[in-house]
Amino acid sequence: ESGGGLVQAGGSLRLSCAASGSISRINAMGWYRQA
């Protein structure tokens, strides 16, 4: 993952997640968070 950081309320960020390795196929992908 990349793209995280500090932002003020009301602002925007774009996160990216790149997969690499021996990939046959990627089915579903998702984002989760933990406080």
Full PDB file with SEQRES, HELIX, SHEET, SSBOND, CRYST1, ORIGX, SCALE, CONECT and MASTER records, all heavy atoms in Angstrom:
SEQRES   1 A   35  GLU SER GLY GLY GLY LEU VAL GLN ALA GLY GLY SER LEU          
SEQRES   2 A   35  ARG LEU SER CYS ALA ALA SER GLY SER ILE SER ARG ILE          
SEQRES   3 A   35  ASN ALA MET GLY TRP TYR ARG GLN ALA                          
CRYST1    1.000    1.000    1.000  90.00  90.00  90.00 P 1           1          
ORIGX1      1.000000  0.000000  0.000000        0.00000                         
ORIGX2      0.000000  1.000000  0.000000        0.00000                         
ORIGX3      0.000000  0.000000  1.000000        0.00000                         
SCALE1      1.000000  0.000000  0.000000        0.00000                         
SCALE2      0.000000  1.000000  0.000000        0.00000                         
SCALE3      0.000000  0.000000  1.000000        0.00000                         
ATOM      1  N   GLU A   1       0.828  -1.196   0.000  1.00  0.00           N  
ATOM      2  CA  GLU A   1       0.000   0.000   0.000  1.00  0.00           C  
ATOM      3  C   GLU A   1       0.869   1.254   0.000  1.00  0.00           C  
ATOM      4  O   GLU A   1       1.984   1.255   0.516  1.00  0.00           O  
ATOM      5  CB  GLU A   1      -0.919   0.043   1.230  1.00  0.00           C  
ATOM      6  CG  GLU A   1      -1.858  -1.137   1.378  1.00  0.00           C  
ATOM      7  CD  GLU A   1      -1.323  -2.172   2.342  1.00  0.00           C  
ATOM      8  OE1 GLU A   1      -0.087  -2.253   2.510  1.00  0.00           O  
ATOM      9  OE2 GLU A   1      -2.141  -2.903   2.931  1.00  0.00           O  
ATOM     10  N   SER A   2       0.320   2.329  -0.531  1.00  0.00           N  
ATOM     11  CA  SER A   2       0.973   3.622  -0.499  1.00  0.00           C  
ATOM     12  C   SER A   2      -0.083   4.714  -0.571  1.00  0.00           C  
ATOM     13  O   SER A   2      -1.234   4.450  -0.915  1.00  0.00           O  
ATOM     14  CB  SER A   2       1.977   3.776  -1.641  1.00  0.00           C  
ATOM     15  OG  SER A   2       1.334   3.701  -2.897  1.00  0.00           O  
ATOM     16  N   GLY A   3       0.310   5.933  -0.246  1.00  0.00           N  
ATOM     17  CA  GLY A   3      -0.578   7.074  -0.383  1.00  0.00           C  
ATOM     18  C   GLY A   3      -1.151   7.614   0.907  1.00  0.00           C  
ATOM     19  O   GLY A   3      -1.839   8.637   0.891  1.00  0.00           O  
ATOM     20  N   GLY A   4      -0.884   6.951   2.019  1.00  0.00           N  
ATOM     21  CA  GLY A   4      -1.378   7.442   3.289  1.00  0.00           C  
ATOM     22  C   GLY A   4      -0.639   8.692   3.731  1.00  0.00           C  
ATOM     23  O   GLY A   4       0.376   9.082   3.154  1.00  0.00           O  
ATOM     24  N   GLY A   5      -1.156   9.321   4.767  1.00  0.00           N  
ATOM     25  CA  GLY A   5      -0.529  10.523   5.283  1.00  0.00           C  
ATOM     26  C   GLY A   5      -1.449  11.288   6.194  1.00  0.00           C  
ATOM     27  O   GLY A   5      -2.462  10.770   6.665  1.00  0.00           O  
ATOM     28  N   LEU A   6      -1.084  12.534   6.446  1.00  0.00           N  
ATOM     29  CA  LEU A   6      -1.842  13.428   7.313  1.00  0.00           C  
ATOM     30  C   LEU A   6      -2.601  14.430   6.459  1.00  0.00           C  
ATOM     31  O   LEU A   6      -2.023  15.058   5.568  1.00  0.00           O  
ATOM     32  CB  LEU A   6      -0.901  14.149   8.271  1.00  0.00           C  
ATOM     33  CG  LEU A   6      -1.508  15.221   9.174  1.00  0.00           C  
ATOM     34  CD1 LEU A   6      -2.513  14.607  10.138  1.00  0.00           C  
ATOM     35  CD2 LEU A   6      -0.402  15.950   9.927  1.00  0.00           C  
ATOM     36  N   VAL A   7      -3.879  14.583   6.737  1.00  0.00           N  
ATOM     37  CA  VAL A   7      -4.709  15.505   5.986  1.00  0.00           C  
ATOM     38  C   VAL A   7      -5.719  16.157   6.926  1.00  0.00           C  
ATOM     39  O   VAL A   7      -6.118  15.561   7.930  1.00  0.00           O  
ATOM     40  CB  VAL A   7      -5.422  14.776   4.823  1.00  0.00           C  
ATOM     41  CG1 VAL A   7      -6.408  13.742   5.358  1.00  0.00           C  
ATOM     42  CG2 VAL A   7      -6.113  15.749   3.892  1.00  0.00           C  
ATOM     43  N   GLN A   8      -6.117  17.370   6.612  1.00  0.00           N  
ATOM     44  CA  GLN A   8      -7.133  18.049   7.401  1.00  0.00           C  
ATOM     45  C   GLN A   8      -8.520  17.521   7.058  1.00  0.00           C  
ATOM     46  O   GLN A   8      -8.761  17.024   5.963  1.00  0.00           O  
ATOM     47  CB  GLN A   8      -7.093  19.554   7.154  1.00  0.00           C  
ATOM     48  CG  GLN A   8      -5.835  20.242   7.651  1.00  0.00           C  
ATOM     49  CD  GLN A   8      -5.873  21.749   7.437  1.00  0.00           C  
ATOM     50  OE1 GLN A   8      -6.894  22.316   7.059  1.00  0.00           O  
ATOM     51  NE2 GLN A   8      -4.756  22.400   7.691  1.00  0.00           N  
ATOM     52  N   ALA A   9      -9.424  17.631   8.011  1.00  0.00           N  
ATOM     53  CA  ALA A   9     -10.805  17.240   7.771  1.00  0.00           C  
ATOM     54  C   ALA A   9     -11.348  17.961   6.548  1.00  0.00           C  
ATOM     55  O   ALA A   9     -11.121  19.157   6.362  1.00  0.00           O  
ATOM     56  CB  ALA A   9     -11.669  17.543   8.991  1.00  0.00           C  
ATOM     57  N   GLY A  10     -12.049  17.211   5.714  1.00  0.00           N  
ATOM     58  CA  GLY A  10     -12.567  17.752   4.477  1.00  0.00           C  
ATOM     59  C   GLY A  10     -11.648  17.562   3.293  1.00  0.00           C  
ATOM     60  O   GLY A  10     -12.065  17.778   2.144  1.00  0.00           O  
ATOM     61  N   GLY A  11     -10.426  17.134   3.545  1.00  0.00           N  
ATOM     62  CA  GLY A  11      -9.466  16.929   2.487  1.00  0.00           C  
ATOM     63  C   GLY A  11      -9.596  15.572   1.832  1.00  0.00           C  
ATOM     64  O   GLY A  11     -10.509  14.796   2.130  1.00  0.00           O  
ATOM     65  N   SER A  12      -8.650  15.277   0.944  1.00  0.00           N  
ATOM     66  CA  SER A  12      -8.693  14.055   0.164  1.00  0.00           C  
ATOM     67  C   SER A  12      -7.338  13.361   0.138  1.00  0.00           C  
ATOM     68  O   SER A  12      -6.292  14.003   0.247  1.00  0.00           O  
ATOM     69  CB  SER A  12      -9.114  14.348  -1.283  1.00  0.00           C  
ATOM     70  OG  SER A  12     -10.412  14.906  -1.350  1.00  0.00           O  
ATOM     71  N   LEU A  13      -7.370  12.060  -0.015  1.00  0.00           N  
ATOM     72  CA  LEU A  13      -6.197  11.236  -0.237  1.00  0.00           C  
ATOM     73  C   LEU A  13      -6.559  10.128  -1.205  1.00  0.00           C  
ATOM     74  O   LEU A  13      -7.715   9.722  -1.272  1.00  0.00           O  
ATOM     75  CB  LEU A  13      -5.685  10.596   1.059  1.00  0.00           C  
ATOM     76  CG  LEU A  13      -4.976  11.471   2.087  1.00  0.00           C  
ATOM     77  CD1 LEU A  13      -4.738  10.664   3.358  1.00  0.00           C  
ATOM     78  CD2 LEU A  13      -3.660  11.997   1.539  1.00  0.00           C  
ATOM     79  N   ARG A  14      -5.573   9.638  -1.927  1.00  0.00           N  
ATOM     80  CA  ARG A  14      -5.768   8.465  -2.758  1.00  0.00           C  
ATOM     81  C   ARG A  14      -4.771   7.394  -2.369  1.00  0.00           C  
ATOM     82  O   ARG A  14      -3.560   7.613  -2.423  1.00  0.00           O  
ATOM     83  CB  ARG A  14      -5.618   8.775  -4.248  1.00  0.00           C  
ATOM     84  CG  ARG A  14      -6.064   7.591  -5.123  1.00  0.00           C  
ATOM     85  CD  ARG A  14      -5.916   7.849  -6.603  1.00  0.00           C  
ATOM     86  NE  ARG A  14      -4.525   7.789  -7.038  1.00  0.00           N  
ATOM     87  CZ  ARG A  14      -4.135   7.506  -8.274  1.00  0.00           C  
ATOM     88  NH1 ARG A  14      -5.047   7.266  -9.213  1.00  0.00           N  
ATOM     89  NH2 ARG A  14      -2.856   7.492  -8.585  1.00  0.00           N  
ATOM     90  N   LEU A  15      -5.278   6.252  -1.969  1.00  0.00           N  
ATOM     91  CA  LEU A  15      -4.453   5.117  -1.615  1.00  0.00           C  
ATOM     92  C   LEU A  15      -4.301   4.189  -2.812  1.00  0.00           C  
ATOM     93  O   LEU A  15      -5.222   4.027  -3.608  1.00  0.00           O  
ATOM     94  CB  LEU A  15      -5.065   4.332  -0.449  1.00  0.00           C  
ATOM     95  CG  LEU A  15      -5.417   5.117   0.813  1.00  0.00           C  
ATOM     96  CD1 LEU A  15      -5.940   4.161   1.884  1.00  0.00           C  
ATOM     97  CD2 LEU A  15      -4.224   5.902   1.326  1.00  0.00           C  
ATOM     98  N   SER A  16      -3.136   3.576  -2.906  1.00  0.00           N  
ATOM     99  CA  SER A  16      -2.872   2.603  -3.954  1.00  0.00           C  
ATOM    100  C   SER A  16      -2.356   1.319  -3.329  1.00  0.00           C  
ATOM    101  O   SER A  16      -1.689   1.343  -2.295  1.00  0.00           O  
ATOM    102  CB  SER A  16      -1.829   3.131  -4.945  1.00  0.00           C  
ATOM    103  OG  SER A  16      -2.264   4.310  -5.578  1.00  0.00           O  
ATOM    104  N   CYS A  17      -2.647   0.213  -3.954  1.00  0.00           N  
ATOM    105  CA  CYS A  17      -2.139  -1.082  -3.518  1.00  0.00           C  
ATOM    106  C   CYS A  17      -1.772  -1.885  -4.750  1.00  0.00           C  
ATOM    107  O   CYS A  17      -2.645  -2.213  -5.559  1.00  0.00           O  
ATOM    108  CB  CYS A  17      -3.181  -1.820  -2.683  1.00  0.00           C  
ATOM    109  SG  CYS A  17      -2.680  -3.493  -2.201  1.00  0.00           S  
ATOM    110  N   ALA A  18      -0.503  -2.192  -4.872  1.00  0.00           N  
ATOM    111  CA  ALA A  18       0.000  -2.926  -6.020  1.00  0.00           C  
ATOM    112  C   ALA A  18       0.364  -4.349  -5.629  1.00  0.00           C  
ATOM    113  O   ALA A  18       1.043  -4.568  -4.623  1.00  0.00           O  
ATOM    114  CB  ALA A  18       1.215  -2.221  -6.613  1.00  0.00           C  
ATOM    115  N   ALA A  19      -0.080  -5.289  -6.411  1.00  0.00           N  
ATOM    116  CA  ALA A  19       0.222  -6.694  -6.190  1.00  0.00           C  
ATOM    117  C   ALA A  19       1.358  -7.135  -7.102  1.00  0.00           C  
ATOM    118  O   ALA A  19       1.423  -6.744  -8.264  1.00  0.00           O  
ATOM    119  CB  ALA A  19      -1.004  -7.561  -6.442  1.00  0.00           C  
ATOM    120  N   SER A  20       2.240  -7.945  -6.566  1.00  0.00           N  
ATOM    121  CA  SER A  20       3.337  -8.483  -7.353  1.00  0.00           C  
ATOM    122  C   SER A  20       3.602  -9.920  -6.936  1.00  0.00           C  
ATOM    123  O   SER A  20       3.163 -10.363  -5.884  1.00  0.00           O  
ATOM    124  CB  SER A  20       4.607  -7.644  -7.181  1.00  0.00           C  
ATOM    125  OG  SER A  20       5.055  -7.663  -5.836  1.00  0.00           O  
ATOM    126  N   GLY A  21       4.331 -10.627  -7.762  1.00  0.00           N  
ATOM    127  CA  GLY A  21       4.658 -12.006  -7.467  1.00  0.00           C  
ATOM    128  C   GLY A  21       4.109 -12.952  -8.511  1.00  0.00           C  
ATOM    129  O   GLY A  21       3.787 -12.554  -9.627  1.00  0.00           O  
ATOM    130  N   SER A  22       4.007 -14.200  -8.125  1.00  0.00           N  
ATOM    131  CA  SER A  22       3.537 -15.239  -9.030  1.00  0.00           C  
ATOM    132  C   SER A  22       2.015 -15.269  -9.027  1.00  0.00           C  
ATOM    133  O   SER A  22       1.392 -16.051  -8.300  1.00  0.00           O  
ATOM    134  CB  SER A  22       4.114 -16.597  -8.622  1.00  0.00           C  
ATOM    135  OG  SER A  22       5.531 -16.588  -8.671  1.00  0.00           O  
ATOM    136  N   ILE A  23       1.440 -14.415  -9.838  1.00  0.00           N  
ATOM    137  CA  ILE A  23      -0.009 -14.248  -9.877  1.00  0.00           C  
ATOM    138  C   ILE A  23      -0.592 -15.027 -11.039  1.00  0.00           C  
ATOM    139  O   ILE A  23      -0.218 -14.824 -12.192  1.00  0.00           O  
ATOM    140  CB  ILE A  23      -0.382 -12.768 -10.007  1.00  0.00           C  
ATOM    141  CG1 ILE A  23       0.180 -11.959  -8.836  1.00  0.00           C  
ATOM    142  CG2 ILE A  23      -1.900 -12.611 -10.081  1.00  0.00           C  
ATOM    143  CD1 ILE A  23       0.060 -10.468  -9.012  1.00  0.00           C  
ATOM    144  N   SER A  24      -1.512 -15.896 -10.714  1.00  0.00           N  
ATOM    145  CA  SER A  24      -2.308 -16.544 -11.739  1.00  0.00           C  
ATOM    146  C   SER A  24      -3.490 -15.660 -12.110  1.00  0.00           C  
ATOM    147  O   SER A  24      -3.730 -15.381 -13.284  1.00  0.00           O  
ATOM    148  CB  SER A  24      -2.782 -17.918 -11.272  1.00  0.00           C  
ATOM    149  OG  SER A  24      -3.583 -18.533 -12.262  1.00  0.00           O  
ATOM    150  N   ARG A  25      -4.220 -15.221 -11.100  1.00  0.00           N  
ATOM    151  CA  ARG A  25      -5.316 -14.283 -11.284  1.00  0.00           C  
ATOM    152  C   ARG A  25      -5.644 -13.629  -9.950  1.00  0.00           C  
ATOM    153  O   ARG A  25      -5.357 -14.183  -8.895  1.00  0.00           O  
ATOM    154  CB  ARG A  25      -6.555 -14.961 -11.857  1.00  0.00           C  
ATOM    155  CG  ARG A  25      -7.150 -16.017 -10.947  1.00  0.00           C  
ATOM    156  CD  ARG A  25      -8.419 -16.603 -11.531  1.00  0.00           C  
ATOM    157  NE  ARG A  25      -9.504 -15.626 -11.573  1.00  0.00           N  
ATOM    158  CZ  ARG A  25     -10.707 -15.864 -12.076  1.00  0.00           C  
ATOM    159  NH1 ARG A  25     -10.976 -17.052 -12.621  1.00  0.00           N  
ATOM    160  NH2 ARG A  25     -11.635 -14.924 -12.061  1.00  0.00           N  
ATOM    161  N   ILE A  26      -6.216 -12.448 -10.019  1.00  0.00           N  
ATOM    162  CA  ILE A  26      -6.722 -11.761  -8.846  1.00  0.00           C  
ATOM    163  C   ILE A  26      -8.230 -11.666  -8.975  1.00  0.00           C  
ATOM    164  O   ILE A  26      -8.738 -11.151  -9.972  1.00  0.00           O  
ATOM    165  CB  ILE A  26      -6.116 -10.361  -8.693  1.00  0.00           C  
ATOM    166  CG1 ILE A  26      -4.593 -10.450  -8.577  1.00  0.00           C  
ATOM    167  CG2 ILE A  26      -6.701  -9.663  -7.466  1.00  0.00           C  
ATOM    168  CD1 ILE A  26      -3.904  -9.108  -8.454  1.00  0.00           C  
ATOM    169  N   ASN A  27      -8.904 -12.174  -7.981  1.00  0.00           N  
ATOM    170  CA  ASN A  27     -10.359 -12.145  -7.979  1.00  0.00           C  
ATOM    171  C   ASN A  27     -10.819 -10.824  -7.352  1.00  0.00           C  
ATOM    172  O   ASN A  27     -10.535  -9.760  -7.889  1.00  0.00           O  
ATOM    173  CB  ASN A  27     -10.890 -13.381  -7.265  1.00  0.00           C  
ATOM    174  CG  ASN A  27     -10.320 -14.665  -7.873  1.00  0.00           C  
ATOM    175  OD1 ASN A  27     -10.484 -14.921  -9.063  1.00  0.00           O  
ATOM    176  ND2 ASN A  27      -9.626 -15.458  -7.065  1.00  0.00           N  
ATOM    177  N   ALA A  28     -11.483 -10.863  -6.222  1.00  0.00           N  
ATOM    178  CA  ALA A  28     -11.898  -9.626  -5.573  1.00  0.00           C  
ATOM    179  C   ALA A  28     -10.718  -8.967  -4.858  1.00  0.00           C  
ATOM    180  O   ALA A  28      -9.778  -9.631  -4.420  1.00  0.00           O  
ATOM    181  CB  ALA A  28     -13.027  -9.891  -4.586  1.00  0.00           C  
ATOM    182  N   MET A  29     -10.761  -7.647  -4.745  1.00  0.00           N  
ATOM    183  CA  MET A  29      -9.802  -6.886  -3.967  1.00  0.00           C  
ATOM    184  C   MET A  29     -10.587  -5.950  -3.056  1.00  0.00           C  
ATOM    185  O   MET A  29     -11.738  -5.619  -3.335  1.00  0.00           O  
ATOM    186  CB  MET A  29      -8.860  -6.080  -4.855  1.00  0.00           C  
ATOM    187  CG  MET A  29      -8.090  -6.918  -5.855  1.00  0.00           C  
ATOM    188  SD  MET A  29      -6.896  -5.959  -6.835  1.00  0.00           S  
ATOM    189  CE  MET A  29      -5.579  -5.742  -5.609  1.00  0.00           C  
ATOM    190  N   GLY A  30      -9.956  -5.528  -1.976  1.00  0.00           N  
ATOM    191  CA  GLY A  30     -10.665  -4.662  -1.056  1.00  0.00           C  
ATOM    192  C   GLY A  30      -9.751  -3.844  -0.182  1.00  0.00           C  
ATOM    193  O   GLY A  30      -8.538  -4.051  -0.139  1.00  0.00           O  
ATOM    194  N   TRP A  31     -10.367  -2.888   0.496  1.00  0.00           N  
ATOM    195  CA  TRP A  31      -9.699  -2.058   1.487  1.00  0.00           C  
ATOM    196  C   TRP A  31     -10.373  -2.251   2.831  1.00  0.00           C  
ATOM    197  O   TRP A  31     -11.610  -2.262   2.926  1.00  0.00           O  
ATOM    198  CB  TRP A  31      -9.738  -0.581   1.103  1.00  0.00           C  
ATOM    199  CG  TRP A  31      -8.839  -0.234  -0.033  1.00  0.00           C  
ATOM    200  CD1 TRP A  31      -9.158  -0.142  -1.348  1.00  0.00           C  
ATOM    201  CD2 TRP A  31      -7.438   0.065   0.061  1.00  0.00           C  
ATOM    202  NE1 TRP A  31      -8.054   0.203  -2.091  1.00  0.00           N  
ATOM    203  CE2 TRP A  31      -6.983   0.338  -1.254  1.00  0.00           C  
ATOM    204  CE3 TRP A  31      -6.532   0.135   1.112  1.00  0.00           C  
ATOM    205  CZ2 TRP A  31      -5.657   0.671  -1.525  1.00  0.00           C  
ATOM    206  CZ3 TRP A  31      -5.207   0.466   0.834  1.00  0.00           C  
ATOM    207  CH2 TRP A  31      -4.798   0.728  -0.470  1.00  0.00           C  
ATOM    208  N   TYR A  32      -9.564  -2.394   3.860  1.00  0.00           N  
ATOM    209  CA  TYR A  32     -10.017  -2.510   5.231  1.00  0.00           C  
ATOM    210  C   TYR A  32      -9.251  -1.498   6.067  1.00  0.00           C  
ATOM    211  O   TYR A  32      -8.211  -0.990   5.651  1.00  0.00           O  
ATOM    212  CB  TYR A  32      -9.778  -3.919   5.770  1.00  0.00           C  
ATOM    213  CG  TYR A  32     -10.575  -4.985   5.049  1.00  0.00           C  
ATOM    214  CD1 TYR A  32     -10.218  -5.401   3.764  1.00  0.00           C  
ATOM    215  CD2 TYR A  32     -11.686  -5.572   5.644  1.00  0.00           C  
ATOM    216  CE1 TYR A  32     -10.954  -6.371   3.097  1.00  0.00           C  
ATOM    217  CE2 TYR A  32     -12.421  -6.542   4.991  1.00  0.00           C  
ATOM    218  CZ  TYR A  32     -12.048  -6.942   3.714  1.00  0.00           C  
ATOM    219  OH  TYR A  32     -12.778  -7.902   3.062  1.00  0.00           O  
ATOM    220  N   ARG A  33      -9.756  -1.190   7.249  1.00  0.00           N  
ATOM    221  CA  ARG A  33      -9.046  -0.274   8.123  1.00  0.00           C  
ATOM    222  C   ARG A  33      -9.173  -0.725   9.566  1.00  0.00           C  
ATOM    223  O   ARG A  33     -10.118  -1.410   9.942  1.00  0.00           O  
ATOM    224  CB  ARG A  33      -9.556   1.160   7.962  1.00  0.00           C  
ATOM    225  CG  ARG A  33     -10.993   1.380   8.410  1.00  0.00           C  
ATOM    226  CD  ARG A  33     -11.452   2.792   8.042  1.00  0.00           C  
ATOM    227  NE  ARG A  33     -12.806   3.063   8.494  1.00  0.00           N  
ATOM    228  CZ  ARG A  33     -13.482   4.157   8.184  1.00  0.00           C  
ATOM    229  NH1 ARG A  33     -12.919   5.101   7.418  1.00  0.00           N  
ATOM    230  NH2 ARG A  33     -14.719   4.326   8.643  1.00  0.00           N  
ATOM    231  N   GLN A  34      -8.203  -0.311  10.366  1.00  0.00           N  
ATOM    232  CA  GLN A  34      -8.188  -0.663  11.773  1.00  0.00           C  
ATOM    233  C   GLN A  34      -7.656   0.503  12.590  1.00  0.00           C  
ATOM    234  O   GLN A  34      -6.531   0.949  12.385  1.00  0.00           O  
ATOM    235  CB  GLN A  34      -7.336  -1.906  12.025  1.00  0.00           C  
ATOM    236  CG  GLN A  34      -7.411  -2.431  13.439  1.00  0.00           C  
ATOM    237  CD  GLN A  34      -6.802  -3.816  13.568  1.00  0.00           C  
ATOM    238  OE1 GLN A  34      -6.023  -4.241  12.731  1.00  0.00           O  
ATOM    239  NE2 GLN A  34      -7.175  -4.520  14.624  1.00  0.00           N  
ATOM    240  N   ALA A  35      -8.488   0.990  13.498  1.00  0.00           N  
ATOM    241  CA  ALA A  35      -8.090   2.023  14.437  1.00  0.00           C  
ATOM    242  C   ALA A  35      -7.608   1.355  15.722  1.00  0.00           C  
ATOM    243  O   ALA A  35      -7.990   0.224  16.023  1.00  0.00           O  
ATOM    244  CB  ALA A  35      -9.259   2.962  14.725  1.00  0.00           C  
TER     245      ALA A  35                                                      
MASTER        0    0    0    0    0    0    0    6  244    1    0    3          
END                                                                             
